[in-house]
N, C-alpha and C. Protein backbone atom coordinates (compact mmCIF):
# COMPACT_ATOMS: atom_id res chain seq x y z
N MET A 1 119.42 84.00 85.13
CA MET A 1 120.05 83.12 86.12
C MET A 1 119.34 81.75 86.11
N GLU A 2 120.15 80.70 86.05
CA GLU A 2 119.59 79.36 86.00
C GLU A 2 119.08 78.93 87.37
N LEU A 3 118.17 77.96 87.33
CA LEU A 3 117.60 77.46 88.57
C LEU A 3 118.67 76.82 89.45
N ARG A 4 119.63 76.10 88.82
CA ARG A 4 120.68 75.46 89.61
C ARG A 4 121.53 76.49 90.35
N THR A 5 121.71 77.65 89.72
CA THR A 5 122.47 78.72 90.38
C THR A 5 121.70 79.27 91.58
N LEU A 6 120.38 79.45 91.41
CA LEU A 6 119.56 79.91 92.51
C LEU A 6 119.60 78.94 93.69
N LEU A 7 119.50 77.66 93.37
CA LEU A 7 119.54 76.66 94.42
C LEU A 7 120.90 76.64 95.11
N LYS A 8 121.94 76.84 94.34
CA LYS A 8 123.27 76.85 94.93
C LYS A 8 123.44 78.03 95.88
N ILE A 9 122.91 79.17 95.49
CA ILE A 9 122.98 80.35 96.36
C ILE A 9 122.23 80.10 97.66
N LEU A 10 121.02 79.56 97.53
CA LEU A 10 120.21 79.30 98.72
C LEU A 10 120.87 78.26 99.63
N LYS A 11 121.51 77.28 99.03
CA LYS A 11 122.19 76.25 99.82
C LYS A 11 123.43 76.80 100.49
N ARG A 12 124.15 77.67 99.80
CA ARG A 12 125.40 78.20 100.33
C ARG A 12 125.14 79.17 101.49
N TYR A 13 124.09 79.99 101.37
CA TYR A 13 123.83 81.02 102.38
C TYR A 13 122.54 80.76 103.15
N TRP A 14 122.27 79.51 103.43
CA TRP A 14 121.04 79.16 104.13
C TRP A 14 120.93 79.82 105.51
N TYR A 15 122.06 80.01 106.16
CA TYR A 15 122.03 80.59 107.50
C TYR A 15 121.58 82.05 107.45
N LEU A 16 121.94 82.75 106.36
CA LEU A 16 121.47 84.14 106.22
C LEU A 16 119.96 84.19 105.98
N ILE A 17 119.44 83.18 105.33
CA ILE A 17 118.00 83.14 105.07
C ILE A 17 117.22 82.91 106.36
N LEU A 18 117.79 82.11 107.27
CA LEU A 18 117.07 81.75 108.49
C LEU A 18 117.19 82.79 109.60
N ILE A 19 118.27 83.58 109.57
CA ILE A 19 118.50 84.52 110.67
C ILE A 19 117.35 85.53 110.84
N PRO A 20 116.92 86.24 109.76
CA PRO A 20 115.84 87.23 109.96
C PRO A 20 114.54 86.64 110.50
N PRO A 21 113.99 85.53 109.93
CA PRO A 21 112.74 85.01 110.52
C PRO A 21 112.91 84.52 111.96
N ILE A 22 114.11 84.00 112.29
CA ILE A 22 114.34 83.57 113.68
C ILE A 22 114.31 84.78 114.61
N LEU A 23 114.97 85.86 114.21
CA LEU A 23 114.97 87.08 115.03
C LEU A 23 113.56 87.66 115.14
N VAL A 24 112.84 87.68 114.02
CA VAL A 24 111.47 88.21 114.04
C VAL A 24 110.59 87.34 114.94
N GLY A 25 110.75 86.02 114.83
CA GLY A 25 109.96 85.13 115.67
C GLY A 25 110.25 85.32 117.15
N ALA A 26 111.52 85.48 117.50
CA ALA A 26 111.90 85.69 118.90
C ALA A 26 111.35 87.02 119.41
N PHE A 27 111.46 88.05 118.59
CA PHE A 27 110.93 89.37 118.98
C PHE A 27 109.42 89.31 119.16
N THR A 28 108.74 88.57 118.28
CA THR A 28 107.29 88.45 118.38
C THR A 28 106.87 87.72 119.64
N LEU A 29 107.60 86.66 119.98
CA LEU A 29 107.27 85.91 121.19
C LEU A 29 107.41 86.78 122.44
N VAL A 30 108.39 87.68 122.43
CA VAL A 30 108.63 88.52 123.59
C VAL A 30 107.60 89.66 123.68
N THR A 31 107.24 90.25 122.53
CA THR A 31 106.43 91.46 122.55
C THR A 31 104.96 91.22 122.21
N TYR A 32 104.60 90.03 121.74
CA TYR A 32 103.24 89.81 121.26
C TYR A 32 102.23 89.86 122.41
N ARG A 33 101.14 90.53 122.17
CA ARG A 33 100.03 90.58 123.10
C ARG A 33 98.77 90.22 122.33
N ALA A 34 98.04 89.25 122.83
CA ALA A 34 96.81 88.83 122.16
C ALA A 34 95.82 89.99 122.13
N PRO A 35 95.12 90.20 121.01
CA PRO A 35 94.15 91.29 120.93
C PRO A 35 93.01 91.09 121.94
N ALA A 36 92.51 92.19 122.44
CA ALA A 36 91.41 92.13 123.40
C ALA A 36 90.16 91.55 122.74
N GLN A 37 89.37 90.86 123.54
CA GLN A 37 88.14 90.27 123.05
C GLN A 37 87.15 91.37 122.66
N GLY A 38 86.63 91.27 121.45
CA GLY A 38 85.64 92.22 120.98
C GLY A 38 84.25 91.61 120.99
N TYR A 39 83.25 92.47 120.93
CA TYR A 39 81.86 92.02 120.94
C TYR A 39 81.09 92.73 119.83
N THR A 40 80.03 92.09 119.40
CA THR A 40 79.27 92.63 118.28
C THR A 40 77.79 92.32 118.43
N THR A 41 76.97 93.12 117.82
CA THR A 41 75.54 92.86 117.70
C THR A 41 75.02 93.59 116.48
N SER A 42 73.97 93.09 115.90
CA SER A 42 73.36 93.73 114.74
C SER A 42 71.87 93.91 115.00
N LEU A 43 71.34 95.03 114.58
CA LEU A 43 69.94 95.38 114.78
C LEU A 43 69.31 95.68 113.43
N ARG A 44 68.17 95.07 113.19
CA ARG A 44 67.43 95.33 111.96
C ARG A 44 66.09 95.99 112.28
N PHE A 45 65.71 96.93 111.42
CA PHE A 45 64.49 97.69 111.63
C PHE A 45 63.66 97.68 110.36
N ALA A 46 62.39 97.41 110.51
CA ALA A 46 61.46 97.53 109.39
C ALA A 46 60.88 98.93 109.43
N VAL A 47 60.98 99.63 108.31
CA VAL A 47 60.49 101.01 108.24
C VAL A 47 59.18 101.01 107.46
N GLY A 48 58.12 101.50 108.08
CA GLY A 48 56.81 101.52 107.43
C GLY A 48 56.26 102.92 107.29
N TYR A 49 55.39 103.06 106.33
CA TYR A 49 54.72 104.35 106.10
C TYR A 49 53.29 104.03 105.66
N ALA A 50 52.34 104.46 106.45
CA ALA A 50 50.95 104.09 106.19
C ALA A 50 50.48 104.65 104.84
N PRO A 51 49.81 103.84 104.02
CA PRO A 51 49.31 104.32 102.72
C PRO A 51 48.14 105.29 102.91
N GLU A 52 48.01 106.21 101.95
CA GLU A 52 46.88 107.14 101.99
C GLU A 52 45.59 106.37 101.74
N GLN A 53 44.56 106.79 102.45
CA GLN A 53 43.28 106.11 102.30
C GLN A 53 42.62 106.42 100.97
N GLN A 54 42.81 107.64 100.49
CA GLN A 54 42.24 108.03 99.21
C GLN A 54 43.36 108.58 98.33
N THR A 55 43.41 108.14 97.10
CA THR A 55 44.41 108.64 96.17
C THR A 55 43.87 108.59 94.76
N ALA A 56 44.24 109.60 93.97
CA ALA A 56 43.78 109.66 92.59
C ALA A 56 44.77 108.99 91.64
N SER A 57 45.84 108.40 92.20
CA SER A 57 46.85 107.76 91.37
C SER A 57 46.28 106.52 90.69
N LEU A 58 46.80 106.22 89.53
CA LEU A 58 46.40 105.00 88.83
C LEU A 58 47.01 103.77 89.46
N TYR A 59 48.05 103.98 90.29
CA TYR A 59 48.68 102.85 90.96
C TYR A 59 47.84 102.42 92.16
N ASP A 60 48.11 101.23 92.62
CA ASP A 60 47.52 100.78 93.87
C ASP A 60 48.01 101.70 94.99
N ARG A 61 47.14 102.06 95.91
CA ARG A 61 47.49 103.06 96.92
C ARG A 61 48.61 102.59 97.84
N LYS A 62 48.88 101.28 97.89
CA LYS A 62 49.94 100.78 98.74
C LYS A 62 51.32 100.95 98.11
N TYR A 63 51.34 101.10 96.79
CA TYR A 63 52.64 101.20 96.11
C TYR A 63 53.42 102.43 96.54
N PRO A 64 52.80 103.65 96.58
CA PRO A 64 53.58 104.82 97.03
C PRO A 64 54.09 104.67 98.46
N ALA A 65 53.30 103.99 99.30
CA ALA A 65 53.76 103.81 100.69
C ALA A 65 55.00 102.93 100.75
N TRP A 66 55.01 101.84 99.96
CA TRP A 66 56.20 100.97 99.91
C TRP A 66 57.40 101.74 99.36
N LEU A 67 57.18 102.53 98.31
CA LEU A 67 58.27 103.29 97.72
C LEU A 67 58.80 104.33 98.70
N THR A 68 57.89 104.99 99.41
CA THR A 68 58.29 105.99 100.39
C THR A 68 59.10 105.36 101.52
N SER A 69 58.69 104.17 101.94
CA SER A 69 59.41 103.51 103.03
C SER A 69 60.85 103.20 102.64
N GLU A 70 61.10 102.92 101.37
CA GLU A 70 62.47 102.69 100.91
C GLU A 70 63.30 103.96 101.02
N TYR A 71 62.71 105.10 100.65
CA TYR A 71 63.42 106.38 100.79
C TYR A 71 63.70 106.69 102.25
N ILE A 72 62.72 106.40 103.12
CA ILE A 72 62.91 106.66 104.54
C ILE A 72 64.02 105.78 105.11
N ALA A 73 64.05 104.52 104.68
CA ALA A 73 65.11 103.61 105.15
C ALA A 73 66.48 104.15 104.77
N GLY A 74 66.62 104.64 103.55
CA GLY A 74 67.89 105.22 103.13
C GLY A 74 68.24 106.45 103.94
N GLY A 75 67.23 107.29 104.22
CA GLY A 75 67.48 108.48 105.02
C GLY A 75 67.88 108.15 106.45
N LEU A 76 67.20 107.18 107.05
CA LEU A 76 67.55 106.79 108.42
C LEU A 76 68.94 106.18 108.50
N SER A 77 69.31 105.39 107.49
CA SER A 77 70.65 104.82 107.46
C SER A 77 71.71 105.90 107.36
N ASP A 78 71.47 106.91 106.53
CA ASP A 78 72.42 108.02 106.41
C ASP A 78 72.47 108.84 107.70
N TRP A 79 71.33 109.02 108.32
CA TRP A 79 71.29 109.77 109.57
C TRP A 79 72.09 109.06 110.66
N ALA A 80 72.04 107.73 110.67
CA ALA A 80 72.76 106.96 111.69
C ALA A 80 74.27 107.13 111.59
N LYS A 81 74.76 107.66 110.49
CA LYS A 81 76.20 107.87 110.30
C LYS A 81 76.66 109.25 110.77
N THR A 82 75.73 110.09 111.22
CA THR A 82 76.06 111.47 111.55
C THR A 82 76.39 111.65 113.02
N GLY A 83 76.99 112.79 113.31
CA GLY A 83 77.27 113.13 114.69
C GLY A 83 76.01 113.42 115.50
N ASP A 84 74.98 113.92 114.83
CA ASP A 84 73.72 114.19 115.53
C ASP A 84 73.14 112.90 116.10
N PHE A 85 73.13 111.84 115.29
CA PHE A 85 72.60 110.56 115.77
C PHE A 85 73.46 110.02 116.90
N ALA A 86 74.78 110.10 116.74
CA ALA A 86 75.68 109.60 117.79
C ALA A 86 75.46 110.33 119.10
N GLN A 87 75.28 111.65 119.03
CA GLN A 87 75.05 112.43 120.25
C GLN A 87 73.71 112.08 120.88
N ALA A 88 72.67 111.90 120.04
CA ALA A 88 71.36 111.54 120.57
C ALA A 88 71.40 110.18 121.25
N VAL A 89 72.11 109.21 120.65
CA VAL A 89 72.23 107.89 121.26
C VAL A 89 73.00 107.97 122.57
N ALA A 90 74.07 108.77 122.61
CA ALA A 90 74.86 108.92 123.83
C ALA A 90 74.00 109.54 124.94
N ASN A 91 73.16 110.50 124.59
CA ASN A 91 72.30 111.13 125.59
C ASN A 91 71.30 110.13 126.17
N VAL A 92 70.74 109.28 125.32
CA VAL A 92 69.76 108.29 125.79
C VAL A 92 70.46 107.19 126.59
N ALA A 93 71.64 106.75 126.13
CA ALA A 93 72.36 105.68 126.82
C ALA A 93 72.77 106.11 128.22
N GLY A 94 73.11 107.40 128.39
CA GLY A 94 73.48 107.91 129.70
C GLY A 94 74.82 107.40 130.15
N GLY A 95 75.06 107.53 131.45
CA GLY A 95 76.35 107.12 131.98
C GLY A 95 77.46 107.96 131.39
N ASP A 96 78.60 107.33 131.11
CA ASP A 96 79.72 108.05 130.53
C ASP A 96 79.90 107.71 129.05
N VAL A 97 78.82 107.22 128.41
CA VAL A 97 78.88 106.93 126.98
C VAL A 97 78.95 108.24 126.21
N THR A 98 79.92 108.35 125.32
CA THR A 98 80.12 109.58 124.56
C THR A 98 79.71 109.40 123.11
N ALA A 99 79.48 110.52 122.44
CA ALA A 99 79.12 110.48 121.03
C ALA A 99 80.24 109.88 120.20
N ALA A 100 81.49 110.15 120.58
CA ALA A 100 82.62 109.58 119.83
C ALA A 100 82.64 108.06 119.96
N GLU A 101 82.31 107.55 121.15
CA GLU A 101 82.27 106.09 121.33
C GLU A 101 81.17 105.47 120.48
N VAL A 102 80.01 106.13 120.43
CA VAL A 102 78.90 105.63 119.62
C VAL A 102 79.28 105.63 118.15
N ALA A 103 79.83 106.75 117.69
CA ALA A 103 80.20 106.85 116.27
C ALA A 103 81.26 105.82 115.90
N GLY A 104 82.18 105.53 116.80
CA GLY A 104 83.23 104.57 116.50
C GLY A 104 82.78 103.13 116.53
N SER A 105 81.64 102.85 117.15
CA SER A 105 81.19 101.47 117.27
C SER A 105 80.06 101.11 116.33
N LEU A 106 79.56 102.08 115.56
CA LEU A 106 78.33 101.87 114.79
C LEU A 106 78.57 101.99 113.30
N VAL A 107 78.01 101.06 112.54
CA VAL A 107 77.99 101.11 111.07
C VAL A 107 76.56 100.83 110.63
N SER A 108 76.07 101.61 109.68
CA SER A 108 74.68 101.44 109.25
C SER A 108 74.61 101.09 107.78
N ASP A 109 73.52 100.41 107.42
CA ASP A 109 73.26 100.04 106.04
C ASP A 109 71.75 99.86 105.90
N TYR A 110 71.30 99.69 104.67
CA TYR A 110 69.88 99.44 104.48
C TYR A 110 69.66 98.66 103.20
N LEU A 111 68.55 97.95 103.15
CA LEU A 111 68.15 97.19 101.98
C LEU A 111 66.64 97.30 101.85
N ARG A 112 66.21 97.95 100.77
CA ARG A 112 64.78 98.18 100.59
C ARG A 112 64.23 98.95 101.78
N SER A 113 63.32 98.34 102.53
CA SER A 113 62.69 99.01 103.67
C SER A 113 63.26 98.54 105.00
N ILE A 114 64.42 97.92 104.99
CA ILE A 114 65.05 97.40 106.20
C ILE A 114 66.33 98.19 106.47
N VAL A 115 66.41 98.75 107.67
CA VAL A 115 67.62 99.44 108.12
C VAL A 115 68.40 98.49 109.03
N VAL A 116 69.71 98.45 108.86
CA VAL A 116 70.56 97.56 109.66
C VAL A 116 71.64 98.39 110.35
N LEU A 117 71.78 98.18 111.65
CA LEU A 117 72.86 98.80 112.41
C LEU A 117 73.79 97.70 112.92
N TYR A 118 75.09 97.86 112.69
CA TYR A 118 76.10 96.93 113.19
C TYR A 118 76.88 97.64 114.29
N LEU A 119 76.92 97.03 115.46
CA LEU A 119 77.60 97.62 116.61
C LEU A 119 78.76 96.73 117.03
N ASN A 120 79.91 97.35 117.28
CA ASN A 120 81.10 96.62 117.71
C ASN A 120 81.77 97.38 118.84
N GLY A 121 82.29 96.64 119.81
CA GLY A 121 82.97 97.29 120.92
C GLY A 121 83.65 96.27 121.81
N GLY A 122 84.32 96.78 122.84
CA GLY A 122 85.06 95.91 123.73
C GLY A 122 84.36 95.62 125.04
N ASP A 123 83.25 96.34 125.32
CA ASP A 123 82.51 96.16 126.57
C ASP A 123 81.09 95.74 126.23
N PRO A 124 80.69 94.50 126.56
CA PRO A 124 79.36 94.04 126.16
C PRO A 124 78.23 94.83 126.80
N GLU A 125 78.41 95.29 128.05
CA GLU A 125 77.35 96.04 128.71
C GLU A 125 77.16 97.41 128.08
N ARG A 126 78.24 98.08 127.78
CA ARG A 126 78.14 99.39 127.12
C ARG A 126 77.57 99.23 125.71
N LEU A 127 77.94 98.15 125.04
CA LEU A 127 77.43 97.92 123.69
C LEU A 127 75.92 97.68 123.73
N ALA A 128 75.46 96.94 124.72
CA ALA A 128 74.03 96.70 124.87
C ALA A 128 73.30 98.01 125.14
N ALA A 129 73.88 98.87 125.98
CA ALA A 129 73.26 100.16 126.28
C ALA A 129 73.16 101.02 125.02
N ILE A 130 74.21 101.00 124.20
CA ILE A 130 74.19 101.77 122.96
C ILE A 130 73.13 101.21 122.02
N GLY A 131 73.00 99.87 121.95
CA GLY A 131 71.99 99.26 121.10
C GLY A 131 70.58 99.64 121.49
N HIS A 132 70.25 99.58 122.76
CA HIS A 132 68.92 99.97 123.23
C HIS A 132 68.66 101.45 122.97
N ALA A 133 69.68 102.27 123.17
CA ALA A 133 69.51 103.71 122.93
C ALA A 133 69.30 103.98 121.44
N ALA A 134 70.00 103.25 120.57
CA ALA A 134 69.83 103.44 119.13
C ALA A 134 68.41 103.10 118.69
N ILE A 135 67.84 102.04 119.26
CA ILE A 135 66.46 101.68 118.94
C ILE A 135 65.53 102.82 119.32
N ARG A 136 65.71 103.35 120.52
CA ARG A 136 64.86 104.43 121.01
C ARG A 136 64.97 105.67 120.14
N VAL A 137 66.17 106.05 119.77
CA VAL A 137 66.37 107.27 118.98
C VAL A 137 65.75 107.12 117.59
N LEU A 138 65.94 105.98 116.94
CA LEU A 138 65.35 105.78 115.61
C LEU A 138 63.82 105.85 115.65
N GLN A 139 63.25 105.33 116.69
CA GLN A 139 61.79 105.28 116.77
C GLN A 139 61.19 106.62 117.14
N VAL A 140 61.87 107.39 117.97
CA VAL A 140 61.27 108.61 118.53
C VAL A 140 61.66 109.87 117.76
N ARG A 141 62.90 109.94 117.27
CA ARG A 141 63.39 111.21 116.73
C ARG A 141 63.40 111.28 115.21
N ASN A 142 62.90 110.25 114.51
CA ASN A 142 63.01 110.30 113.05
C ASN A 142 62.17 111.42 112.45
N ASN A 143 61.05 111.78 113.09
CA ASN A 143 60.23 112.87 112.55
C ASN A 143 60.83 114.23 112.85
N VAL A 144 61.73 114.29 113.85
CA VAL A 144 62.40 115.56 114.14
C VAL A 144 63.45 115.85 113.08
N ILE A 145 64.18 114.82 112.69
CA ILE A 145 65.23 114.99 111.68
C ILE A 145 64.62 115.09 110.28
N PHE A 146 63.55 114.33 110.04
CA PHE A 146 62.89 114.35 108.74
C PHE A 146 61.43 114.79 108.95
N PRO A 147 61.18 116.09 108.98
CA PRO A 147 59.82 116.55 109.22
C PRO A 147 58.84 116.10 108.15
N GLN A 148 59.34 115.72 106.98
CA GLN A 148 58.45 115.23 105.93
C GLN A 148 57.79 113.91 106.31
N ASN A 149 58.27 113.30 107.40
CA ASN A 149 57.64 112.08 107.88
C ASN A 149 56.34 112.35 108.64
N GLY A 150 56.03 113.66 108.80
CA GLY A 150 54.81 113.99 109.52
C GLY A 150 54.94 113.65 110.99
N GLU A 151 54.03 112.84 111.50
CA GLU A 151 54.09 112.44 112.90
C GLU A 151 55.17 111.40 113.16
N GLY A 152 55.81 110.93 112.11
CA GLY A 152 56.90 109.98 112.27
C GLY A 152 56.63 108.68 111.56
N ALA A 153 57.66 108.15 110.94
CA ALA A 153 57.53 106.86 110.29
C ALA A 153 57.52 105.76 111.34
N SER A 154 56.93 104.64 110.98
CA SER A 154 56.91 103.48 111.88
C SER A 154 58.23 102.74 111.76
N VAL A 155 59.00 102.69 112.84
CA VAL A 155 60.29 102.00 112.87
C VAL A 155 60.17 100.85 113.87
N THR A 156 60.14 99.64 113.37
CA THR A 156 59.94 98.45 114.21
C THR A 156 61.24 97.68 114.33
N ALA A 157 61.70 97.49 115.55
CA ALA A 157 62.92 96.71 115.78
C ALA A 157 62.62 95.23 115.57
N LEU A 158 63.33 94.61 114.66
CA LEU A 158 63.12 93.20 114.35
C LEU A 158 64.00 92.27 115.16
N ASP A 159 64.99 92.83 115.83
CA ASP A 159 65.91 92.02 116.62
C ASP A 159 66.05 92.63 118.01
N GLY A 160 66.23 91.77 118.99
CA GLY A 160 66.62 92.25 120.29
C GLY A 160 68.11 92.53 120.31
N VAL A 161 68.55 93.22 121.36
CA VAL A 161 69.97 93.53 121.50
C VAL A 161 70.67 92.32 122.11
N VAL A 162 71.25 91.51 121.25
CA VAL A 162 71.96 90.30 121.68
C VAL A 162 73.44 90.49 121.37
N VAL A 163 74.22 90.69 122.40
CA VAL A 163 75.66 90.92 122.24
C VAL A 163 76.39 89.59 122.29
N ALA A 164 77.23 89.35 121.31
CA ALA A 164 77.98 88.09 121.23
C ALA A 164 79.45 88.40 121.01
N PRO A 165 80.36 87.48 121.42
CA PRO A 165 81.78 87.69 121.13
C PRO A 165 82.05 87.74 119.63
N ALA A 166 82.87 88.68 119.23
CA ALA A 166 83.22 88.82 117.81
C ALA A 166 84.42 87.95 117.49
N PRO A 167 84.46 87.35 116.31
CA PRO A 167 85.65 86.55 115.93
C PRO A 167 86.86 87.46 115.76
N PRO A 168 88.05 86.93 115.93
CA PRO A 168 89.26 87.76 115.75
C PRO A 168 89.31 88.35 114.35
N ALA A 169 89.81 89.56 114.28
CA ALA A 169 89.94 90.23 112.99
C ALA A 169 90.96 89.49 112.12
N LEU A 170 90.76 89.57 110.80
CA LEU A 170 91.67 88.89 109.87
C LEU A 170 93.10 89.38 110.04
N ARG A 171 93.26 90.66 110.30
CA ARG A 171 94.61 91.22 110.46
C ARG A 171 95.33 90.59 111.65
N SER A 172 94.61 90.41 112.77
CA SER A 172 95.26 89.83 113.94
C SER A 172 95.62 88.38 113.71
N ARG A 173 94.82 87.65 112.91
CA ARG A 173 95.12 86.25 112.64
C ARG A 173 96.30 86.08 111.70
N LEU A 174 96.52 87.06 110.83
CA LEU A 174 97.60 86.96 109.85
C LEU A 174 98.84 87.73 110.26
N ASP A 175 98.81 88.37 111.40
CA ASP A 175 99.92 89.24 111.81
C ASP A 175 101.22 88.46 111.92
N ILE A 176 101.22 87.36 112.68
CA ILE A 176 102.45 86.59 112.88
C ILE A 176 102.94 85.95 111.57
N PRO A 177 102.07 85.27 110.78
CA PRO A 177 102.56 84.73 109.51
C PRO A 177 103.13 85.78 108.57
N ILE A 178 102.54 86.95 108.57
CA ILE A 178 103.06 88.02 107.69
C ILE A 178 104.45 88.45 108.16
N ARG A 179 104.61 88.58 109.47
CA ARG A 179 105.92 88.97 109.99
C ARG A 179 106.99 87.94 109.62
N LEU A 180 106.67 86.67 109.83
CA LEU A 180 107.64 85.62 109.51
C LEU A 180 107.93 85.58 108.01
N GLY A 181 106.89 85.79 107.19
CA GLY A 181 107.09 85.80 105.75
C GLY A 181 107.99 86.94 105.31
N LEU A 182 107.80 88.12 105.91
CA LEU A 182 108.67 89.26 105.58
C LEU A 182 110.11 88.99 106.03
N GLY A 183 110.25 88.36 107.19
CA GLY A 183 111.60 88.01 107.65
C GLY A 183 112.28 87.03 106.72
N LEU A 184 111.52 86.04 106.23
CA LEU A 184 112.08 85.07 105.30
C LEU A 184 112.46 85.74 103.98
N ALA A 185 111.62 86.67 103.51
CA ALA A 185 111.95 87.39 102.27
C ALA A 185 113.21 88.22 102.45
N LEU A 186 113.36 88.84 103.61
CA LEU A 186 114.59 89.60 103.89
C LEU A 186 115.80 88.69 103.90
N GLY A 187 115.64 87.48 104.45
CA GLY A 187 116.76 86.53 104.46
C GLY A 187 117.18 86.14 103.07
N VAL A 188 116.23 85.95 102.16
CA VAL A 188 116.56 85.61 100.77
C VAL A 188 117.31 86.76 100.12
N VAL A 189 116.87 87.99 100.39
CA VAL A 189 117.57 89.16 99.84
C VAL A 189 119.00 89.22 100.36
N LEU A 190 119.18 88.96 101.65
CA LEU A 190 120.53 88.96 102.21
C LEU A 190 121.40 87.88 101.57
N ALA A 191 120.82 86.73 101.29
CA ALA A 191 121.59 85.65 100.66
C ALA A 191 122.08 86.07 99.27
N PHE A 192 121.23 86.71 98.49
CA PHE A 192 121.64 87.15 97.15
C PHE A 192 122.65 88.28 97.22
N LEU A 193 122.50 89.17 98.20
CA LEU A 193 123.51 90.23 98.36
C LEU A 193 124.85 89.65 98.75
N ALA A 194 124.84 88.66 99.64
CA ALA A 194 126.10 88.02 100.05
C ALA A 194 126.76 87.33 98.86
N TRP A 195 125.95 86.68 98.02
CA TRP A 195 126.51 86.02 96.83
C TRP A 195 127.08 87.04 95.85
N TYR A 196 126.38 88.17 95.70
CA TYR A 196 126.81 89.17 94.72
C TYR A 196 128.12 89.84 95.15
N PHE A 197 128.28 90.12 96.44
CA PHE A 197 129.47 90.84 96.91
C PHE A 197 130.56 89.91 97.44
N ASP A 198 130.36 88.60 97.39
CA ASP A 198 131.37 87.66 97.89
C ASP A 198 132.55 87.61 96.91
N PRO A 199 133.78 87.99 97.33
CA PRO A 199 134.93 88.01 96.42
C PRO A 199 135.65 86.67 96.32
N ARG A 200 135.24 85.69 97.11
CA ARG A 200 135.96 84.43 97.15
C ARG A 200 135.59 83.52 95.98
N ILE A 201 136.58 82.70 95.60
CA ILE A 201 136.36 81.71 94.53
C ILE A 201 136.07 80.36 95.21
N ARG A 202 134.92 79.80 94.89
CA ARG A 202 134.50 78.57 95.55
C ARG A 202 134.46 77.38 94.59
N ASP A 203 134.17 77.62 93.31
CA ASP A 203 134.11 76.52 92.36
C ASP A 203 134.45 77.05 90.97
N ARG A 204 134.38 76.18 89.99
CA ARG A 204 134.81 76.53 88.64
C ARG A 204 133.93 77.60 88.01
N THR A 205 132.68 77.68 88.41
CA THR A 205 131.81 78.71 87.83
C THR A 205 132.27 80.09 88.25
N ASP A 206 132.80 80.22 89.45
CA ASP A 206 133.33 81.51 89.89
C ASP A 206 134.56 81.89 89.08
N VAL A 207 135.39 80.89 88.75
CA VAL A 207 136.58 81.16 87.93
C VAL A 207 136.18 81.56 86.52
N GLU A 208 135.25 80.83 85.93
CA GLU A 208 134.80 81.14 84.58
C GLU A 208 134.11 82.50 84.51
N ALA A 209 133.50 82.91 85.62
CA ALA A 209 132.79 84.19 85.62
C ALA A 209 133.74 85.37 85.48
N ILE A 210 134.99 85.20 85.92
CA ILE A 210 135.94 86.31 85.79
C ILE A 210 136.82 86.17 84.55
N GLY A 211 136.51 85.20 83.68
CA GLY A 211 137.18 85.08 82.39
C GLY A 211 138.48 84.30 82.39
N LEU A 212 138.74 83.51 83.40
CA LEU A 212 139.98 82.71 83.44
C LEU A 212 139.71 81.31 82.91
N ASN A 213 140.73 80.72 82.30
CA ASN A 213 140.64 79.36 81.79
C ASN A 213 141.05 78.37 82.88
N ILE A 214 140.36 77.28 82.93
CA ILE A 214 140.64 76.24 83.93
C ILE A 214 141.54 75.18 83.30
N ILE A 215 142.72 74.97 83.90
CA ILE A 215 143.64 73.96 83.40
C ILE A 215 143.35 72.61 84.03
N ALA A 216 143.08 72.61 85.32
CA ALA A 216 142.82 71.35 86.03
C ALA A 216 141.90 71.67 87.21
N GLU A 217 141.26 70.64 87.68
CA GLU A 217 140.33 70.81 88.80
C GLU A 217 140.54 69.66 89.78
N ILE A 218 140.74 70.00 91.04
CA ILE A 218 140.93 68.99 92.08
C ILE A 218 139.56 68.70 92.71
N PRO A 219 139.09 67.49 92.56
CA PRO A 219 137.77 67.17 93.12
C PRO A 219 137.82 67.11 94.63
N LYS A 220 136.65 67.29 95.24
CA LYS A 220 136.54 67.17 96.68
C LYS A 220 136.66 65.72 97.10
N LYS A 221 137.31 65.48 98.20
CA LYS A 221 137.43 64.11 98.69
C LYS A 221 136.15 63.70 99.37
């Protein structure tokens, strides 16, 4: 299909192209509700493990301690993803904070000897309570979950619990443009369907398409 034919179709059925996005836009204006304000905070922890005072290793005695702290950081990050950690945090936070709420608001990661917890939620006070409880649980219960830590690894909170408004999610920012774009795409499809099933003869190309010869043509005034 030539470009001039495409342009002719779009020009002829422009109203069909505009109807779907107009309807989608009107429906969106009536039903749209702005997303609720979210809040976020991130907590970083330095994980330490005291080096042995005496060692027969050829390495510097501090090297095994650094290596061990990396393993502990990975273990604590994995533990923070479990239901046991969520329940322990909920118990420390108190109130009506549940393990499901903790699990749904928390994401953990680690890098070397640093553990990072990302907390997200809709209530800044509850989020702060969960953050303080998470600090307490990591510091106090790590030797219970990992008895190989002995009396417990040193878990130092590097950040205070500072809750800040979270920026709108990418999905919420693109929701309306995506809807309008889909409506416009539907309008283009309707225009091509109307052109394909239209039985009327409008110009000489329509006559030539059905195999008839043109004897004369009356131009438009």
